[in-house]
Amino acid sequence: MDTNSLLVSMFFGTVGSGYALYGKKQGAMIPLVGGLAMIAVSTFITAPLLLTAISAALMAGIFFLGRMA
């Protein structure tokens, strides 16, 4: 694991933790599940570009599903 993958993983894990905490406090399932998915993805995927693409898709999904609900 190199420095780039470690920093990207830490960043998106932190963003996922923020989503998960927000979802838990507000009682909203979409940010909670999306945040937990981001934490899991940042744990298991080590390629920085792939991790960025998947995390961006998850953040977009959380945003659009939250707007629909």
PDB file of N, CA and C in Angstrom:
ATOM      1  N   MET A   1       0.856  -1.173   0.000  1.00  0.00           N
ATOM      2  CA  MET A   1       0.000   0.000   0.000  1.00  0.00           C
ATOM      3  C   MET A   1       0.902   1.237   0.000  1.00  0.00           C
ATOM      4  N   ASP A   2       0.681   2.111  -0.976  1.00  0.00           N
ATOM      5  CA  ASP A   2       1.507   3.311  -1.056  1.00  0.00           C
ATOM      6  C   ASP A   2       0.808   4.500  -0.396  1.00  0.00           C
ATOM      7  N   THR A   3       1.462   5.635  -0.415  1.00  0.00           N
ATOM      8  CA  THR A   3       0.964   6.820   0.271  1.00  0.00           C
ATOM      9  C   THR A   3      -0.348   7.323  -0.330  1.00  0.00           C
ATOM     10  N   ASN A   4      -0.451   7.305  -1.653  1.00  0.00           N
ATOM     11  CA  ASN A   4      -1.666   7.799  -2.305  1.00  0.00           C
ATOM     12  C   ASN A   4      -2.887   6.983  -1.913  1.00  0.00           C
ATOM     13  N   SER A   5      -2.755   5.674  -1.954  1.00  0.00           N
ATOM     14  CA  SER A   5      -3.906   4.838  -1.608  1.00  0.00           C
ATOM     15  C   SER A   5      -4.269   4.989  -0.137  1.00  0.00           C
ATOM     16  N   LEU A   6      -3.287   5.188   0.707  1.00  0.00           N
ATOM     17  CA  LEU A   6      -3.569   5.380   2.126  1.00  0.00           C
ATOM     18  C   LEU A   6      -4.315   6.687   2.373  1.00  0.00           C
ATOM     19  N   LEU A   7      -3.881   7.766   1.734  1.00  0.00           N
ATOM     20  CA  LEU A   7      -4.541   9.054   1.912  1.00  0.00           C
ATOM     21  C   LEU A   7      -5.958   9.060   1.338  1.00  0.00           C
ATOM     22  N   VAL A   8      -6.130   8.479   0.164  1.00  0.00           N
ATOM     23  CA  VAL A   8      -7.464   8.427  -0.448  1.00  0.00           C
ATOM     24  C   VAL A   8      -8.397   7.563   0.392  1.00  0.00           C
ATOM     25  N   SER A   9      -7.896   6.453   0.880  1.00  0.00           N
ATOM     26  CA  SER A   9      -8.701   5.578   1.730  1.00  0.00           C
ATOM     27  C   SER A   9      -9.093   6.272   3.029  1.00  0.00           C
ATOM     28  N   MET A  10      -8.160   7.000   3.628  1.00  0.00           N
ATOM     29  CA  MET A  10      -8.463   7.710   4.863  1.00  0.00           C
ATOM     30  C   MET A  10      -9.488   8.818   4.622  1.00  0.00           C
ATOM     31  N   PHE A  11      -9.346   9.540   3.504  1.00  0.00           N
ATOM     32  CA  PHE A  11     -10.277  10.622   3.197  1.00  0.00           C
ATOM     33  C   PHE A  11     -11.703  10.104   3.011  1.00  0.00           C
ATOM     34  N   PHE A  12     -11.863   9.092   2.159  1.00  0.00           N
ATOM     35  CA  PHE A  12     -13.213   8.601   1.896  1.00  0.00           C
ATOM     36  C   PHE A  12     -13.776   7.805   3.075  1.00  0.00           C
ATOM     37  N   GLY A  13     -12.938   7.216   3.880  1.00  0.00           N
ATOM     38  CA  GLY A  13     -13.408   6.590   5.112  1.00  0.00           C
ATOM     39  C   GLY A  13     -13.940   7.620   6.090  1.00  0.00           C
ATOM     40  N   THR A  14     -13.277   8.778   6.143  1.00  0.00           N
ATOM     41  CA  THR A  14     -13.736   9.869   7.007  1.00  0.00           C
ATOM     42  C   THR A  14     -15.054  10.449   6.511  1.00  0.00           C
ATOM     43  N   VAL A  15     -15.174  10.629   5.202  1.00  0.00           N
ATOM     44  CA  VAL A  15     -16.430  11.123   4.630  1.00  0.00           C
ATOM     45  C   VAL A  15     -17.551  10.114   4.893  1.00  0.00           C
ATOM     46  N   GLY A  16     -17.256   8.840   4.733  1.00  0.00           N
ATOM     47  CA  GLY A  16     -18.247   7.793   5.013  1.00  0.00           C
ATOM     48  C   GLY A  16     -18.657   7.776   6.473  1.00  0.00           C
ATOM     49  N   SER A  17     -17.722   8.007   7.370  1.00  0.00           N
ATOM     50  CA  SER A  17     -18.051   8.075   8.794  1.00  0.00           C
ATOM     51  C   SER A  17     -18.971   9.256   9.081  1.00  0.00           C
ATOM     52  N   GLY A  18     -18.722  10.372   8.404  1.00  0.00           N
ATOM     53  CA  GLY A  18     -19.591  11.536   8.565  1.00  0.00           C
ATOM     54  C   GLY A  18     -21.004  11.246   8.100  1.00  0.00           C
ATOM     55  N   TYR A  19     -21.138  10.598   6.944  1.00  0.00           N
ATOM     56  CA  TYR A  19     -22.457  10.215   6.460  1.00  0.00           C
ATOM     57  C   TYR A  19     -23.149   9.252   7.434  1.00  0.00           C
ATOM     58  N   ALA A  20     -22.404   8.284   7.934  1.00  0.00           N
ATOM     59  CA  ALA A  20     -22.991   7.293   8.838  1.00  0.00           C
ATOM     60  C   ALA A  20     -23.452   7.938  10.146  1.00  0.00           C
ATOM     61  N   LEU A  21     -22.636   8.823  10.698  1.00  0.00           N
ATOM     62  CA  LEU A  21     -23.035   9.504  11.936  1.00  0.00           C
ATOM     63  C   LEU A  21     -24.241  10.409  11.715  1.00  0.00           C
ATOM     64  N   TYR A  22     -24.261  11.116  10.585  1.00  0.00           N
ATOM     65  CA  TYR A  22     -25.397  11.969  10.268  1.00  0.00           C
ATOM     66  C   TYR A  22     -26.672  11.128  10.128  1.00  0.00           C
ATOM     67  N   GLY A  23     -26.578  10.021   9.401  1.00  0.00           N
ATOM     68  CA  GLY A  23     -27.742   9.157   9.214  1.00  0.00           C
ATOM     69  C   GLY A  23     -28.244   8.563  10.516  1.00  0.00           C
ATOM     70  N   LYS A  24     -27.332   8.219  11.407  1.00  0.00           N
ATOM     71  CA  LYS A  24     -27.740   7.649  12.695  1.00  0.00           C
ATOM     72  C   LYS A  24     -28.427   8.701  13.553  1.00  0.00           C
ATOM     73  N   LYS A  25     -27.868   9.901  13.607  1.00  0.00           N
ATOM     74  CA  LYS A  25     -28.453  10.953  14.445  1.00  0.00           C
ATOM     75  C   LYS A  25     -29.801  11.430  13.920  1.00  0.00           C
ATOM     76  N   GLN A  26     -29.947  11.489  12.601  1.00  0.00           N
ATOM     77  CA  GLN A  26     -31.185  11.975  12.008  1.00  0.00           C
ATOM     78  C   GLN A  26     -32.219  10.866  11.804  1.00  0.00           C
ATOM     79  N   GLY A  27     -31.809   9.631  11.958  1.00  0.00           N
ATOM     80  CA  GLY A  27     -32.715   8.508  11.731  1.00  0.00           C
ATOM     81  C   GLY A  27     -32.998   8.290  10.252  1.00  0.00           C
ATOM     82  N   ALA A  28     -32.068   8.678   9.404  1.00  0.00           N
ATOM     83  CA  ALA A  28     -32.221   8.541   7.959  1.00  0.00           C
ATOM     84  C   ALA A  28     -31.405   7.336   7.477  1.00  0.00           C
ATOM     85  N   MET A  29     -32.073   6.412   6.832  1.00  0.00           N
ATOM     86  CA  MET A  29     -31.411   5.182   6.425  1.00  0.00           C
ATOM     87  C   MET A  29     -30.486   5.361   5.221  1.00  0.00           C
ATOM     88  N   ILE A  30     -30.816   6.262   4.306  1.00  0.00           N
ATOM     89  CA  ILE A  30     -30.011   6.414   3.089  1.00  0.00           C
ATOM     90  C   ILE A  30     -28.588   6.873   3.409  1.00  0.00           C
ATOM     91  N   PRO A  31     -28.399   7.950   4.198  1.00  0.00           N
ATOM     92  CA  PRO A  31     -27.011   8.330   4.521  1.00  0.00           C
ATOM     93  C   PRO A  31     -26.305   7.303   5.408  1.00  0.00           C
ATOM     94  N   LEU A  32     -27.048   6.636   6.273  1.00  0.00           N
ATOM     95  CA  LEU A  32     -26.442   5.636   7.147  1.00  0.00           C
ATOM     96  C   LEU A  32     -25.890   4.471   6.340  1.00  0.00           C
ATOM     97  N   VAL A  33     -26.698   3.916   5.469  1.00  0.00           N
ATOM     98  CA  VAL A  33     -26.260   2.774   4.660  1.00  0.00           C
ATOM     99  C   VAL A  33     -25.178   3.196   3.667  1.00  0.00           C
ATOM    100  N   GLY A  34     -25.342   4.379   3.063  1.00  0.00           N
ATOM    101  CA  GLY A  34     -24.326   4.870   2.138  1.00  0.00           C
ATOM    102  C   GLY A  34     -22.997   5.111   2.832  1.00  0.00           C
ATOM    103  N   GLY A  35     -23.035   5.655   4.036  1.00  0.00           N
ATOM    104  CA  GLY A  35     -21.811   5.875   4.800  1.00  0.00           C
ATOM    105  C   GLY A  35     -21.126   4.577   5.170  1.00  0.00           C
ATOM    106  N   LEU A  36     -21.911   3.598   5.580  1.00  0.00           N
ATOM    107  CA  LEU A  36     -21.323   2.296   5.906  1.00  0.00           C
ATOM    108  C   LEU A  36     -20.736   1.633   4.664  1.00  0.00           C
ATOM    109  N   ALA A  37     -21.389   1.823   3.522  1.00  0.00           N
ATOM    110  CA  ALA A  37     -20.851   1.278   2.266  1.00  0.00           C
ATOM    111  C   ALA A  37     -19.534   1.965   1.904  1.00  0.00           C
ATOM    112  N   MET A  38     -19.454   3.287   2.125  1.00  0.00           N
ATOM    113  CA  MET A  38     -18.200   3.993   1.838  1.00  0.00           C
ATOM    114  C   MET A  38     -17.076   3.542   2.752  1.00  0.00           C
ATOM    115  N   ILE A  39     -17.400   3.288   4.007  1.00  0.00           N
ATOM    116  CA  ILE A  39     -16.382   2.789   4.934  1.00  0.00           C
ATOM    117  C   ILE A  39     -15.889   1.415   4.480  1.00  0.00           C
ATOM    118  N   ALA A  40     -16.813   0.546   4.083  1.00  0.00           N
ATOM    119  CA  ALA A  40     -16.434  -0.797   3.632  1.00  0.00           C
ATOM    120  C   ALA A  40     -15.597  -0.742   2.355  1.00  0.00           C
ATOM    121  N   VAL A  41     -15.998   0.106   1.424  1.00  0.00           N
ATOM    122  CA  VAL A  41     -15.261   0.231   0.167  1.00  0.00           C
ATOM    123  C   VAL A  41     -13.857   0.759   0.421  1.00  0.00           C
ATOM    124  N   SER A  42     -13.736   1.757   1.297  1.00  0.00           N
ATOM    125  CA  SER A  42     -12.405   2.315   1.561  1.00  0.00           C
ATOM    126  C   SER A  42     -11.513   1.338   2.321  1.00  0.00           C
ATOM    127  N   THR A  43     -12.107   0.363   2.952  1.00  0.00           N
ATOM    128  CA  THR A  43     -11.324  -0.647   3.658  1.00  0.00           C
ATOM    129  C   THR A  43     -10.777  -1.707   2.706  1.00  0.00           C
ATOM    130  N   PHE A  44     -11.580  -2.124   1.735  1.00  0.00           N
ATOM    131  CA  PHE A  44     -11.217  -3.281   0.921  1.00  0.00           C
ATOM    132  C   PHE A  44     -10.603  -2.953  -0.431  1.00  0.00           C
ATOM    133  N   ILE A  45     -10.801  -1.754  -0.956  1.00  0.00           N
ATOM    134  CA  ILE A  45     -10.245  -1.406  -2.264  1.00  0.00           C
ATOM    135  C   ILE A  45      -8.998  -0.548  -2.059  1.00  0.00           C
ATOM    136  N   THR A  46      -7.903  -0.934  -2.697  1.00  0.00           N
ATOM    137  CA  THR A  46      -6.645  -0.220  -2.483  1.00  0.00           C
ATOM    138  C   THR A  46      -6.225   0.629  -3.671  1.00  0.00           C
ATOM    139  N   ALA A  47      -6.871   0.482  -4.821  1.00  0.00           N
ATOM    140  CA  ALA A  47      -6.520   1.298  -5.994  1.00  0.00           C
ATOM    141  C   ALA A  47      -7.149   2.681  -5.834  1.00  0.00           C
ATOM    142  N   PRO A  48      -6.345   3.743  -5.787  1.00  0.00           N
ATOM    143  CA  PRO A  48      -6.886   5.081  -5.520  1.00  0.00           C
ATOM    144  C   PRO A  48      -7.911   5.567  -6.550  1.00  0.00           C
ATOM    145  N   LEU A  49      -7.667   5.313  -7.829  1.00  0.00           N
ATOM    146  CA  LEU A  49      -8.591   5.781  -8.859  1.00  0.00           C
ATOM    147  C   LEU A  49      -9.923   5.043  -8.787  1.00  0.00           C
ATOM    148  N   LEU A  50      -9.885   3.753  -8.597  1.00  0.00           N
ATOM    149  CA  LEU A  50     -11.104   2.960  -8.464  1.00  0.00           C
ATOM    150  C   LEU A  50     -11.871   3.345  -7.204  1.00  0.00           C
ATOM    151  N   LEU A  51     -11.164   3.564  -6.119  1.00  0.00           N
ATOM    152  CA  LEU A  51     -11.793   3.976  -4.866  1.00  0.00           C
ATOM    153  C   LEU A  51     -12.460   5.334  -5.016  1.00  0.00           C
ATOM    154  N   THR A  52     -11.800   6.256  -5.719  1.00  0.00           N
ATOM    155  CA  THR A  52     -12.384   7.576  -5.945  1.00  0.00           C
ATOM    156  C   THR A  52     -13.649   7.474  -6.791  1.00  0.00           C
ATOM    157  N   ALA A  53     -13.621   6.662  -7.830  1.00  0.00           N
ATOM    158  CA  ALA A  53     -14.788   6.510  -8.703  1.00  0.00           C
ATOM    159  C   ALA A  53     -15.968   5.898  -7.957  1.00  0.00           C
ATOM    160  N   ILE A  54     -15.721   4.859  -7.190  1.00  0.00           N
ATOM    161  CA  ILE A  54     -16.800   4.202  -6.455  1.00  0.00           C
ATOM    162  C   ILE A  54     -17.350   5.118  -5.360  1.00  0.00           C
ATOM    163  N   SER A  55     -16.472   5.799  -4.665  1.00  0.00           N
ATOM    164  CA  SER A  55     -16.917   6.700  -3.599  1.00  0.00           C
ATOM    165  C   SER A  55     -17.704   7.880  -4.162  1.00  0.00           C
ATOM    166  N   ALA A  56     -17.283   8.400  -5.311  1.00  0.00           N
ATOM    167  CA  ALA A  56     -18.033   9.487  -5.949  1.00  0.00           C
ATOM    168  C   ALA A  56     -19.414   9.012  -6.371  1.00  0.00           C
ATOM    169  N   ALA A  57     -19.497   7.795  -6.880  1.00  0.00           N
ATOM    170  CA  ALA A  57     -20.798   7.238  -7.263  1.00  0.00           C
ATOM    171  C   ALA A  57     -21.686   7.041  -6.033  1.00  0.00           C
ATOM    172  N   LEU A  58     -21.104   6.591  -4.927  1.00  0.00           N
ATOM    173  CA  LEU A  58     -21.881   6.432  -3.699  1.00  0.00           C
ATOM    174  C   LEU A  58     -22.371   7.772  -3.169  1.00  0.00           C
ATOM    175  N   MET A  59     -21.518   8.794  -3.210  1.00  0.00           N
ATOM    176  CA  MET A  59     -21.937  10.116  -2.745  1.00  0.00           C
ATOM    177  C   MET A  59     -23.050  10.685  -3.632  1.00  0.00           C
ATOM    178  N   ALA A  60     -22.939  10.480  -4.936  1.00  0.00           N
ATOM    179  CA  ALA A  60     -23.998  10.936  -5.853  1.00  0.00           C
ATOM    180  C   ALA A  60     -25.286  10.173  -5.588  1.00  0.00           C
ATOM    181  N   GLY A  61     -25.174   8.872  -5.337  1.00  0.00           N
ATOM    182  CA  GLY A  61     -26.362   8.074  -5.032  1.00  0.00           C
ATOM    183  C   GLY A  61     -27.032   8.520  -3.737  1.00  0.00           C
ATOM    184  N   ILE A  62     -26.241   8.810  -2.724  1.00  0.00           N
ATOM    185  CA  ILE A  62     -26.801   9.310  -1.452  1.00  0.00           C
ATOM    186  C   ILE A  62     -27.509  10.632  -1.677  1.00  0.00           C
ATOM    187  N   PHE A  63     -26.904  11.517  -2.467  1.00  0.00           N
ATOM    188  CA  PHE A  63     -27.494  12.823  -2.729  1.00  0.00           C
ATOM    189  C   PHE A  63     -28.826  12.690  -3.475  1.00  0.00           C
ATOM    190  N   PHE A  64     -28.813  11.935  -4.578  1.00  0.00           N
ATOM    191  CA  PHE A  64     -30.024  11.841  -5.391  1.00  0.00           C
ATOM    192  C   PHE A  64     -31.130  11.029  -4.710  1.00  0.00           C
ATOM    193  N   LEU A  65     -30.776   9.978  -4.008  1.00  0.00           N
ATOM    194  CA  LEU A  65     -31.799   9.209  -3.289  1.00  0.00           C
ATOM    195  C   LEU A  65     -32.367  10.008  -2.128  1.00  0.00           C
ATOM    196  N   GLY A  66     -31.536  10.828  -1.504  1.00  0.00           N
ATOM    197  CA  GLY A  66     -32.021  11.694  -0.437  1.00  0.00           C
ATOM    198  C   GLY A  66     -32.962  12.766  -0.947  1.00  0.00           C
ATOM    199  N   ARG A  67     -32.715  13.253  -2.156  1.00  0.00           N
ATOM    200  CA  ARG A  67     -33.596  14.266  -2.748  1.00  0.00           C
ATOM    201  C   ARG A  67     -34.937  13.654  -3.158  1.00  0.00           C
ATOM    202  N   MET A  68     -34.929  12.376  -3.546  1.00  0.00           N
ATOM    203  CA  MET A  68     -36.168  11.719  -3.966  1.00  0.00           C
ATOM    204  C   MET A  68     -37.057  11.358  -2.770  1.00  0.00           C
ATOM    205  N   ALA A  69     -36.442  11.111  -1.632  1.00  0.00           N
ATOM    206  CA  ALA A  69     -37.212  10.656  -0.465  1.00  0.00           C
ATOM    207  C   ALA A  69     -37.922  11.791   0.234  1.00  0.00           C
TER     208      ALA A  69
END
